């Protein structure tokens, strides 16, 4: 079965940048849609960015122009480049893999991003 491992979280000052990585095991990465979600303290989990198997992307309004999702199929890895970080971006960020035709949905364990003022 597929497993996801996130990395790249940490502490950064407002205005700074971080790049999150999500590495997938298994053989079905190329056919999968990938997404990043986040959950801030006291708030519901929300979709941040998504990328289809064909490379089409979608972003939450709150991160448009600041975040970029990308994938490297040769490395079975999806990335989230986060620029111009705000304190409101502080959250645990989760990676998701979905293959609808196979009824497959997999979540990583999350990586904490803390943006200080």
N, C-alpha and C. Protein backbone atom coordinates (compact mmCIF):
# COMPACT_ATOMS: atom_id res chain seq x y z
N UNK A 1 0.85 -1.19 0.00
CA UNK A 1 0.00 0.00 0.00
C UNK A 1 0.89 1.25 0.00
N UNK A 2 0.27 2.39 -0.30
CA UNK A 2 0.98 3.65 -0.41
C UNK A 2 1.16 4.27 0.97
N UNK A 3 2.33 4.87 1.19
CA UNK A 3 2.59 5.66 2.38
C UNK A 3 3.16 7.02 1.98
N UNK A 4 2.81 8.06 2.74
CA UNK A 4 3.27 9.41 2.48
C UNK A 4 4.04 9.93 3.68
N UNK A 5 5.16 10.59 3.41
CA UNK A 5 5.99 11.17 4.46
C UNK A 5 6.27 12.63 4.12
N UNK A 6 5.78 13.54 4.97
CA UNK A 6 6.01 14.97 4.78
C UNK A 6 7.29 15.40 5.48
N UNK A 7 7.91 16.45 4.95
CA UNK A 7 9.08 17.03 5.57
C UNK A 7 9.18 18.50 5.15
N UNK A 8 10.03 19.24 5.84
CA UNK A 8 10.30 20.62 5.48
C UNK A 8 9.66 21.66 6.37
N UNK A 9 8.83 21.24 7.30
CA UNK A 9 8.22 22.19 8.21
C UNK A 9 9.23 22.74 9.20
N UNK A 10 8.82 23.79 9.89
CA UNK A 10 9.70 24.41 10.87
C UNK A 10 9.22 25.78 11.25
N UNK A 11 10.12 26.53 11.88
CA UNK A 11 9.83 27.89 12.34
C UNK A 11 10.44 28.90 11.38
N UNK A 12 9.64 29.86 10.97
CA UNK A 12 10.10 30.89 10.05
C UNK A 12 9.43 32.21 10.42
N UNK A 13 10.12 33.31 10.17
CA UNK A 13 9.54 34.63 10.42
C UNK A 13 8.61 35.05 9.29
N UNK A 14 7.65 35.88 9.62
CA UNK A 14 6.74 36.42 8.61
C UNK A 14 7.53 37.06 7.48
N UNK A 15 7.09 36.79 6.26
CA UNK A 15 7.79 37.27 5.08
C UNK A 15 8.79 36.28 4.52
N UNK A 16 9.09 35.25 5.26
CA UNK A 16 10.05 34.25 4.82
C UNK A 16 9.43 33.17 3.97
N UNK A 17 10.23 32.14 3.67
CA UNK A 17 9.82 31.07 2.78
C UNK A 17 10.17 29.71 3.35
N UNK A 18 9.39 28.72 2.97
CA UNK A 18 9.65 27.32 3.27
C UNK A 18 9.21 26.48 2.09
N UNK A 19 9.83 25.32 1.91
CA UNK A 19 9.38 24.35 0.93
C UNK A 19 9.09 23.04 1.62
N UNK A 20 7.85 22.60 1.52
CA UNK A 20 7.44 21.32 2.06
C UNK A 20 7.57 20.24 0.99
N UNK A 21 7.92 19.04 1.42
CA UNK A 21 8.02 17.90 0.53
C UNK A 21 7.15 16.77 1.04
N UNK A 22 6.61 15.99 0.13
CA UNK A 22 5.82 14.81 0.46
C UNK A 22 6.27 13.68 -0.45
N UNK A 23 6.92 12.69 0.13
CA UNK A 23 7.44 11.56 -0.62
C UNK A 23 6.49 10.38 -0.50
N UNK A 24 6.15 9.77 -1.62
CA UNK A 24 5.21 8.66 -1.66
C UNK A 24 5.93 7.36 -1.99
N UNK A 25 5.60 6.33 -1.26
CA UNK A 25 6.03 4.98 -1.63
C UNK A 25 4.97 4.35 -2.51
N UNK A 26 5.33 3.28 -3.20
CA UNK A 26 4.37 2.59 -4.05
C UNK A 26 4.55 2.94 -5.52
N UNK A 27 3.72 2.33 -6.35
CA UNK A 27 3.87 2.42 -7.80
C UNK A 27 2.80 3.25 -8.50
N UNK A 28 1.87 3.86 -7.76
CA UNK A 28 0.74 4.53 -8.37
C UNK A 28 0.79 6.05 -8.29
N UNK A 29 1.94 6.61 -7.94
CA UNK A 29 2.06 8.05 -7.77
C UNK A 29 1.73 8.80 -9.05
N UNK A 30 2.22 8.33 -10.18
CA UNK A 30 2.05 9.04 -11.44
C UNK A 30 0.58 9.22 -11.81
N UNK A 31 -0.27 8.27 -11.42
CA UNK A 31 -1.68 8.32 -11.75
C UNK A 31 -2.52 9.08 -10.73
N UNK A 32 -1.90 9.55 -9.68
CA UNK A 32 -2.63 10.13 -8.56
C UNK A 32 -2.72 11.64 -8.63
N UNK A 33 -3.82 12.16 -8.10
CA UNK A 33 -3.91 13.57 -7.77
C UNK A 33 -3.34 13.77 -6.37
N UNK A 34 -2.63 14.86 -6.17
CA UNK A 34 -2.01 15.16 -4.88
C UNK A 34 -2.51 16.50 -4.37
N UNK A 35 -2.52 16.64 -3.06
CA UNK A 35 -2.99 17.88 -2.47
C UNK A 35 -2.29 18.14 -1.15
N UNK A 36 -2.28 19.41 -0.77
CA UNK A 36 -1.85 19.84 0.56
C UNK A 36 -3.03 20.45 1.29
N UNK A 37 -3.25 20.00 2.50
CA UNK A 37 -4.22 20.57 3.41
C UNK A 37 -3.49 21.14 4.62
N UNK A 38 -4.18 21.98 5.38
CA UNK A 38 -3.60 22.46 6.62
C UNK A 38 -4.68 22.60 7.68
N UNK A 39 -4.26 22.51 8.92
CA UNK A 39 -5.17 22.67 10.05
C UNK A 39 -4.48 23.52 11.10
N UNK A 40 -5.04 24.70 11.34
CA UNK A 40 -4.53 25.61 12.35
C UNK A 40 -5.21 25.31 13.68
N UNK A 41 -4.60 25.72 14.79
CA UNK A 41 -5.21 25.48 16.10
C UNK A 41 -6.61 26.05 16.18
N UNK A 42 -7.56 25.23 16.62
CA UNK A 42 -8.93 25.65 16.78
C UNK A 42 -9.72 25.82 15.51
N UNK A 43 -9.17 25.41 14.36
CA UNK A 43 -9.85 25.57 13.08
C UNK A 43 -9.99 24.23 12.37
N UNK A 44 -10.88 24.18 11.38
CA UNK A 44 -11.08 22.98 10.60
C UNK A 44 -9.97 22.83 9.56
N UNK A 45 -9.75 21.59 9.14
CA UNK A 45 -8.78 21.34 8.09
C UNK A 45 -9.29 21.92 6.77
N UNK A 46 -8.39 22.57 6.03
CA UNK A 46 -8.77 23.21 4.78
C UNK A 46 -7.81 22.84 3.66
N UNK A 47 -8.33 22.80 2.45
CA UNK A 47 -7.52 22.55 1.27
C UNK A 47 -6.68 23.78 0.95
N UNK A 48 -5.38 23.57 0.77
CA UNK A 48 -4.46 24.64 0.44
C UNK A 48 -4.16 24.67 -1.06
N UNK A 49 -3.79 23.52 -1.61
CA UNK A 49 -3.42 23.43 -3.02
C UNK A 49 -3.57 22.00 -3.48
N UNK A 50 -3.84 21.82 -4.78
CA UNK A 50 -3.97 20.49 -5.35
C UNK A 50 -3.35 20.47 -6.74
N UNK A 51 -2.91 19.29 -7.15
CA UNK A 51 -2.35 19.11 -8.48
C UNK A 51 -2.80 17.76 -9.01
N UNK A 52 -3.29 17.74 -10.25
CA UNK A 52 -3.77 16.51 -10.86
C UNK A 52 -2.61 15.71 -11.42
N UNK A 53 -2.92 14.49 -11.86
CA UNK A 53 -1.89 13.67 -12.49
C UNK A 53 -1.36 14.31 -13.76
N UNK A 54 -2.17 15.15 -14.41
CA UNK A 54 -1.75 15.86 -15.61
C UNK A 54 -1.05 17.17 -15.36
N UNK A 55 -0.98 17.61 -14.10
CA UNK A 55 -0.25 18.82 -13.76
C UNK A 55 -1.09 20.06 -13.57
N UNK A 56 -2.41 19.96 -13.69
CA UNK A 56 -3.27 21.11 -13.43
C UNK A 56 -3.30 21.41 -11.94
N UNK A 57 -3.32 22.69 -11.58
CA UNK A 57 -3.24 23.09 -10.18
C UNK A 57 -4.44 23.91 -9.76
N UNK A 58 -4.68 23.93 -8.45
CA UNK A 58 -5.76 24.70 -7.86
C UNK A 58 -5.30 25.15 -6.48
N UNK A 59 -5.66 26.39 -6.10
CA UNK A 59 -5.21 26.96 -4.84
C UNK A 59 -6.35 27.60 -4.08
N UNK A 60 -6.24 27.57 -2.76
CA UNK A 60 -7.13 28.35 -1.94
C UNK A 60 -6.87 29.83 -2.17
N UNK A 61 -7.93 30.63 -2.09
CA UNK A 61 -7.78 32.06 -2.32
C UNK A 61 -6.75 32.69 -1.38
N UNK A 62 -6.66 32.18 -0.17
CA UNK A 62 -5.78 32.76 0.83
C UNK A 62 -4.30 32.60 0.51
N UNK A 63 -3.95 31.68 -0.40
CA UNK A 63 -2.54 31.44 -0.70
C UNK A 63 -2.18 31.72 -2.15
N UNK A 64 -3.15 32.08 -2.98
CA UNK A 64 -2.87 32.36 -4.38
C UNK A 64 -1.84 33.47 -4.52
N UNK A 65 -0.87 33.24 -5.38
CA UNK A 65 0.19 34.21 -5.59
C UNK A 65 1.35 34.07 -4.64
N UNK A 66 1.19 33.28 -3.59
CA UNK A 66 2.25 33.08 -2.60
C UNK A 66 2.77 31.65 -2.57
N UNK A 67 1.89 30.68 -2.77
CA UNK A 67 2.26 29.26 -2.70
C UNK A 67 2.25 28.65 -4.09
N UNK A 68 3.10 27.66 -4.31
CA UNK A 68 3.14 26.92 -5.56
C UNK A 68 3.26 25.43 -5.27
N UNK A 69 2.34 24.64 -5.83
CA UNK A 69 2.41 23.20 -5.72
C UNK A 69 3.02 22.64 -7.01
N UNK A 70 3.86 21.63 -6.87
CA UNK A 70 4.49 21.00 -8.02
C UNK A 70 4.74 19.54 -7.70
N UNK A 71 5.06 18.77 -8.74
CA UNK A 71 5.34 17.36 -8.53
C UNK A 71 6.50 16.91 -9.40
N UNK A 72 7.23 15.93 -8.89
CA UNK A 72 8.33 15.32 -9.61
C UNK A 72 8.04 13.82 -9.64
N UNK A 73 7.51 13.35 -10.75
CA UNK A 73 7.09 11.95 -10.84
C UNK A 73 8.27 10.99 -10.77
N UNK A 74 9.44 11.43 -11.21
CA UNK A 74 10.62 10.59 -11.14
C UNK A 74 11.03 10.32 -9.70
N UNK A 75 10.69 11.24 -8.80
CA UNK A 75 11.04 11.11 -7.39
C UNK A 75 9.85 10.72 -6.52
N UNK A 76 8.68 10.54 -7.12
CA UNK A 76 7.47 10.24 -6.36
C UNK A 76 7.24 11.26 -5.25
N UNK A 77 7.41 12.54 -5.59
CA UNK A 77 7.37 13.58 -4.58
C UNK A 77 6.54 14.77 -5.06
N UNK A 78 5.76 15.33 -4.15
CA UNK A 78 5.04 16.57 -4.40
C UNK A 78 5.58 17.62 -3.45
N UNK A 79 5.63 18.87 -3.91
CA UNK A 79 6.20 19.96 -3.15
C UNK A 79 5.19 21.08 -2.95
N UNK A 80 5.38 21.83 -1.90
CA UNK A 80 4.63 23.07 -1.69
C UNK A 80 5.63 24.16 -1.35
N UNK A 81 5.88 25.05 -2.31
CA UNK A 81 6.75 26.19 -2.09
C UNK A 81 5.91 27.31 -1.50
N UNK A 82 6.29 27.77 -0.32
CA UNK A 82 5.53 28.78 0.41
C UNK A 82 6.39 30.03 0.55
N UNK A 83 5.95 31.11 -0.07
CA UNK A 83 6.65 32.39 -0.02
C UNK A 83 5.79 33.43 0.68
N UNK A 84 6.43 34.52 1.10
CA UNK A 84 5.73 35.62 1.76
C UNK A 84 4.82 35.11 2.87
N UNK A 85 5.36 34.28 3.72
CA UNK A 85 4.56 33.63 4.75
C UNK A 85 4.01 34.64 5.75
N UNK A 86 2.80 34.36 6.20
CA UNK A 86 2.10 35.17 7.17
C UNK A 86 1.86 34.36 8.43
N UNK A 87 1.62 35.05 9.54
CA UNK A 87 1.33 34.33 10.78
C UNK A 87 0.08 33.46 10.63
N UNK A 88 -0.84 33.87 9.78
CA UNK A 88 -2.06 33.10 9.55
C UNK A 88 -1.80 31.77 8.86
N UNK A 89 -0.60 31.58 8.30
CA UNK A 89 -0.25 30.32 7.66
C UNK A 89 0.19 29.26 8.66
N UNK A 90 0.34 29.63 9.92
CA UNK A 90 0.75 28.68 10.94
C UNK A 90 -0.28 27.55 11.04
N UNK A 91 0.18 26.32 10.89
CA UNK A 91 -0.71 25.17 10.89
C UNK A 91 0.12 23.90 10.74
N UNK A 92 -0.54 22.77 10.96
CA UNK A 92 0.01 21.49 10.56
C UNK A 92 -0.41 21.24 9.13
N UNK A 93 0.55 20.97 8.26
CA UNK A 93 0.29 20.75 6.85
C UNK A 93 0.32 19.26 6.54
N UNK A 94 -0.72 18.80 5.83
CA UNK A 94 -0.88 17.38 5.52
C UNK A 94 -0.88 17.16 4.02
N UNK A 95 -0.21 16.11 3.60
CA UNK A 95 -0.18 15.69 2.20
C UNK A 95 -1.26 14.63 1.97
N UNK A 96 -1.93 14.70 0.81
CA UNK A 96 -2.96 13.74 0.46
C UNK A 96 -2.73 13.19 -0.94
N UNK A 97 -2.90 11.89 -1.11
CA UNK A 97 -2.87 11.24 -2.41
C UNK A 97 -4.25 10.64 -2.68
N UNK A 98 -4.78 10.86 -3.89
CA UNK A 98 -6.10 10.36 -4.26
C UNK A 98 -6.06 9.76 -5.66
N UNK A 99 -6.60 8.57 -5.80
CA UNK A 99 -6.89 7.97 -7.10
C UNK A 99 -8.35 7.58 -7.07
N UNK A 100 -9.20 8.40 -7.66
CA UNK A 100 -10.64 8.21 -7.56
C UNK A 100 -11.08 6.88 -8.16
N UNK A 101 -10.53 6.50 -9.31
CA UNK A 101 -10.96 5.28 -9.99
C UNK A 101 -10.60 4.02 -9.22
N UNK A 102 -9.67 4.13 -8.30
CA UNK A 102 -9.29 3.00 -7.47
C UNK A 102 -9.82 3.10 -6.04
N UNK A 103 -10.63 4.12 -5.79
CA UNK A 103 -11.17 4.34 -4.45
C UNK A 103 -10.05 4.38 -3.42
N UNK A 104 -8.99 5.11 -3.75
CA UNK A 104 -7.82 5.17 -2.89
C UNK A 104 -7.60 6.59 -2.40
N UNK A 105 -7.44 6.74 -1.10
CA UNK A 105 -7.13 8.02 -0.48
C UNK A 105 -6.15 7.76 0.66
N UNK A 106 -5.02 8.45 0.63
CA UNK A 106 -3.97 8.25 1.61
C UNK A 106 -3.53 9.60 2.15
N UNK A 107 -3.29 9.67 3.46
CA UNK A 107 -2.85 10.89 4.14
C UNK A 107 -1.50 10.68 4.80
N UNK A 108 -0.68 11.72 4.78
CA UNK A 108 0.53 11.72 5.55
C UNK A 108 0.25 12.09 7.00
N UNK A 109 1.28 12.07 7.83
CA UNK A 109 1.13 12.35 9.25
C UNK A 109 1.18 13.84 9.58
N UNK A 110 1.62 14.65 8.66
CA UNK A 110 1.63 16.09 8.86
C UNK A 110 3.00 16.62 9.26
N UNK A 111 3.23 17.89 8.93
CA UNK A 111 4.44 18.59 9.33
C UNK A 111 4.04 19.99 9.79
N UNK A 112 4.60 20.42 10.91
CA UNK A 112 4.20 21.68 11.53
C UNK A 112 4.96 22.86 10.93
N UNK A 113 4.21 23.87 10.52
CA UNK A 113 4.77 25.14 10.06
C UNK A 113 4.35 26.22 11.04
N UNK A 114 5.33 26.91 11.62
CA UNK A 114 5.06 28.00 12.55
C UNK A 114 5.67 29.28 12.00
N UNK A 115 4.83 30.28 11.79
CA UNK A 115 5.27 31.57 11.27
C UNK A 115 5.17 32.59 12.40
N UNK A 116 6.28 33.16 12.76
CA UNK A 116 6.34 34.12 13.86
C UNK A 116 6.35 35.54 13.34
N UNK A 117 5.89 36.47 14.17
CA UNK A 117 5.89 37.88 13.82
C UNK A 117 7.14 38.58 14.29
